[in-house]
Each structure stands twice: as structure tokens, then as C-alpha cells.
Protein backbone atom coordinates (compact mmCIF):
# COMPACT_ATOMS: atom_id res chain seq x y z
CA MET A 1 -30.54 3.40 -4.07
CA THR A 2 -27.71 5.39 -5.98
CA LYS A 3 -24.09 6.02 -4.82
CA GLY A 4 -24.05 9.01 -3.18
CA ASP A 5 -27.62 8.51 -1.26
CA LEU A 6 -27.89 9.09 2.35
CA ILE A 7 -28.17 6.07 4.10
CA GLY A 8 -27.85 6.74 8.05
CA GLN A 9 -26.84 9.62 10.42
CA ILE A 10 -24.83 9.69 13.72
CA GLY A 11 -27.40 10.97 16.58
CA SER A 12 -26.55 11.35 20.19
CA GLY A 13 -28.48 8.56 22.13
CA PRO A 14 -27.68 6.49 25.66
CA ARG A 15 -24.21 5.66 24.13
CA ASP A 16 -21.51 7.60 22.78
CA PRO A 17 -22.46 8.87 18.81
CA HIS A 18 -22.75 5.43 16.61
CA LEU A 19 -24.64 4.48 13.64
CA HIS A 20 -26.05 1.08 13.20
CA PHE A 21 -25.62 -0.17 9.88
CA GLU A 22 -27.33 -3.71 8.70
CA LEU A 23 -27.70 -5.15 5.47
CA ARG A 24 -31.16 -7.37 4.68
CA ILE A 25 -32.49 -9.57 1.82
CA VAL A 26 -35.87 -9.36 1.94
CA ILE A 27 -37.60 -12.55 1.15
CA ASP A 28 -40.99 -11.36 -0.01
CA PRO A 29 -40.84 -8.02 -1.55
CA SER A 30 -44.65 -7.32 -1.50
CA ALA A 31 -45.15 -8.04 1.83
CA GLN A 32 -45.70 -4.50 3.97
CA ARG A 33 -42.91 -4.86 6.61
CA PHE A 34 -39.89 -5.89 4.78
CA TRP A 35 -37.79 -5.12 7.43
CA SER A 36 -39.25 -7.48 10.01
CA ASP A 37 -37.02 -10.69 10.86
CA ARG A 38 -39.75 -13.12 9.49
CA ASN A 39 -39.29 -11.54 6.23
CA SER A 40 -35.69 -10.76 5.82
CA VAL A 41 -32.33 -12.77 6.40
CA ALA A 42 -29.32 -10.68 7.65
CA LEU A 43 -26.37 -10.42 5.08
CA ASP A 44 -22.78 -9.90 5.83
CA PRO A 45 -21.33 -6.86 4.16
CA THR A 46 -17.76 -7.80 4.36
CA ARG A 47 -17.99 -10.28 1.57
CA LEU A 48 -19.58 -7.80 -0.99
CA LEU A 49 -16.91 -5.36 0.17
CA TYR A 50 -14.08 -7.71 -0.35
CA GLY A 51 -15.27 -8.68 -3.69
CA LEU A 52 -15.66 -4.93 -4.50
CA ALA A 53 -12.07 -4.38 -3.48
CA ALA A 54 -11.16 -7.59 -5.60
CA GLY A 55 -12.96 -6.73 -8.72
CA ALA A 56 -12.35 -2.59 -8.84
CA LEU A 57 -8.30 -2.77 -8.34
CA PRO A 58 -5.58 -3.84 -10.73
CA LEU A 59 -4.20 -7.46 -10.76
CA ARG A 60 -0.47 -7.57 -9.70
CA SER A 61 2.13 -10.05 -9.79
CA SER A 62 4.10 -11.37 -6.71
CA GLY A 63 7.44 -10.79 -8.82
CA GLY A 64 8.30 -14.42 -8.94
CA PRO A 65 8.31 -17.53 -6.52
CA ALA A 66 8.05 -17.35 -3.01
CA ALA A 67 8.06 -19.47 -0.24
CA VAL A 68 4.80 -19.91 2.01
CA THR A 69 6.07 -18.96 5.75
CA HIS A 70 3.02 -19.47 7.55
CA SER A 71 -1.21 -20.32 6.77
CA GLY A 72 -4.05 -20.36 8.89
CA ILE A 73 -7.30 -18.71 9.96
CA GLN A 74 -7.68 -15.56 11.70
CA GLN A 75 -10.25 -13.75 12.70
CA VAL A 76 -10.88 -9.87 11.55
CA GLY A 77 -13.43 -8.64 13.55
CA SER A 78 -16.07 -11.46 13.88
CA VAL A 79 -15.20 -12.45 10.18
CA PRO A 80 -12.56 -15.63 9.76
CA PHE A 81 -10.16 -15.40 6.75
CA PHE A 82 -7.63 -17.64 5.61
CA ARG A 83 -4.39 -15.93 5.69
CA ALA A 84 -0.86 -16.80 3.80
CA ARG A 85 2.35 -14.99 4.16
CA THR A 86 4.99 -15.61 1.99
CA ASP A 87 8.94 -14.30 2.18
CA GLY A 88 8.09 -12.12 -0.99
CA SER A 89 5.36 -9.98 0.89
CA PRO A 90 4.83 -8.39 3.99
CA GLN A 91 1.38 -8.01 3.61
CA PRO A 92 -0.61 -11.34 3.99
CA HIS A 93 -2.90 -12.85 1.10
CA SER A 94 -6.36 -13.07 2.56
CA ILE A 95 -9.23 -15.00 1.80
CA PRO A 96 -12.87 -15.26 3.52
CA MET A 97 -13.68 -18.19 5.02
CA TYR A 98 -17.45 -18.06 5.58
CA GLU A 99 -20.31 -19.13 3.10
CA PRO A 100 -20.74 -18.94 0.27
CA THR A 101 -17.17 -19.62 -0.32
CA THR A 102 -16.91 -20.70 -3.71
CA ASP A 103 -14.69 -23.45 -5.46
CA HIS A 104 -11.85 -20.61 -6.71
CA GLU A 105 -11.42 -19.74 -2.87
CA ARG A 106 -11.44 -23.16 -1.58
CA GLY A 107 -8.53 -24.14 -4.40
CA LEU A 108 -6.68 -20.92 -3.76
CA ILE A 109 -6.75 -21.96 -0.01
CA ALA A 110 -5.61 -25.82 -0.93
CA LEU A 111 -2.79 -24.40 -3.11
CA PHE A 112 -1.42 -22.09 -0.20
CA THR A 113 -1.61 -25.14 2.03
CA THR A 114 0.11 -27.41 -0.07
CA ALA A 115 2.76 -25.04 -0.85
CA LEU A 116 3.63 -24.95 2.82
CA GLU A 117 3.19 -28.49 3.45
CA LEU A 118 5.29 -29.51 0.57
CA GLY A 119 7.74 -26.61 1.14
CA ARG A 120 7.31 -25.20 -2.44
CA PRO A 121 7.37 -21.84 -3.47
CA VAL A 122 4.29 -20.16 -5.20
CA GLU A 123 3.60 -17.37 -7.74
CA VAL A 124 0.66 -15.33 -6.71
CA GLU A 125 -1.45 -12.59 -8.75
CA TYR A 126 -3.05 -10.22 -6.33
CA ARG A 127 -4.77 -7.14 -5.92
CA ASP A 128 -4.15 -4.89 -2.97
CA SER A 129 -7.39 -4.62 -1.00
CA VAL A 130 -8.68 -1.15 0.12
CA PHE A 131 -11.58 -2.31 2.26
CA PHE A 132 -8.91 -4.44 4.75
CA GLY A 133 -5.90 -2.49 4.95
CA GLY A 134 -2.51 -4.30 4.14
CA ASN A 135 -3.90 -7.27 2.70
CA ARG A 136 -3.64 -8.58 -0.43
CA VAL A 137 -6.61 -10.62 -2.25
CA PRO A 138 -5.30 -13.84 -4.35
CA ALA A 139 -6.56 -13.89 -7.91
CA SER A 140 -4.33 -17.02 -8.51
CA VAL A 141 -1.83 -19.17 -6.88
CA VAL A 142 0.59 -21.53 -9.08
CA LEU A 143 2.85 -23.94 -7.54
CA ALA A 144 6.62 -22.84 -8.59
């Protein structure tokens, strides 16, 4: 499959027109029925999209120290995200909270949480997310 290939069509059915899209990892590619539930595992595409947004966009600076005003877990659809807000940005900094969570992501979450608990400002390097609207994908967090 390459960029621009047709991956689905919307048709009419018993419900309003819609497109069902699912990504699956095939366990045994030599099997004739890759799509069977016994030979594939469903993959949540949001982490791939989130990672693509982070890797494809320019790195920005928060512009100096800012106080963390709120942090916590928020569901976006059915996907849990850690979100931290600072007084220096109207957009939240968002980190996906489902496996596989990386050590880097856990470290960023710990720094935001510690900053809020201690009342310490942070400096954040981030990328704006094209996939999740008004969210920022933090690349680094430093206690100021």
C-alpha cells in the first residue's frame, strides 16, 4: 500500500452512510486468511497518528517558564490521554496513556505532575498536533 491508495468507500446500508476502518497486525502472513480474528490483532491507529503528528511538525518552545495549572487523565473518544495545562498556553499538552507507553512519555508525565505538586514552573518544547486539534505534543519538559 502506498500514499494515495484507495482504502475504502462509503456506501449506503441499514444505517447512515459510514466507513468502517480497522488496522490489524497479521500474526502469520503465510496463512491464507489473514483477516480472521485468530490470525490478527487489532491495532489502535491513534498512537500511530499521534506519533506521526509529533514527528512531522516543527519543534516549538513554550517561550519561557510557565506554571502548570492542571493535570489529569481525559478520555478523547475512547482513548485516554494525560493532559497538562499551563498558564502560558491555552492549548493542553497531551500524551497518550495506553500501551505501549514509552519511558520518555512516562518521564514527561512525571515532570508535569511533579511541577504541579511543587508549584514549580516548567519550560516545554512541543509540536502542535494536526490530528488532535488544539493539543500540543510535548517533546521535552524541564523544571524551571
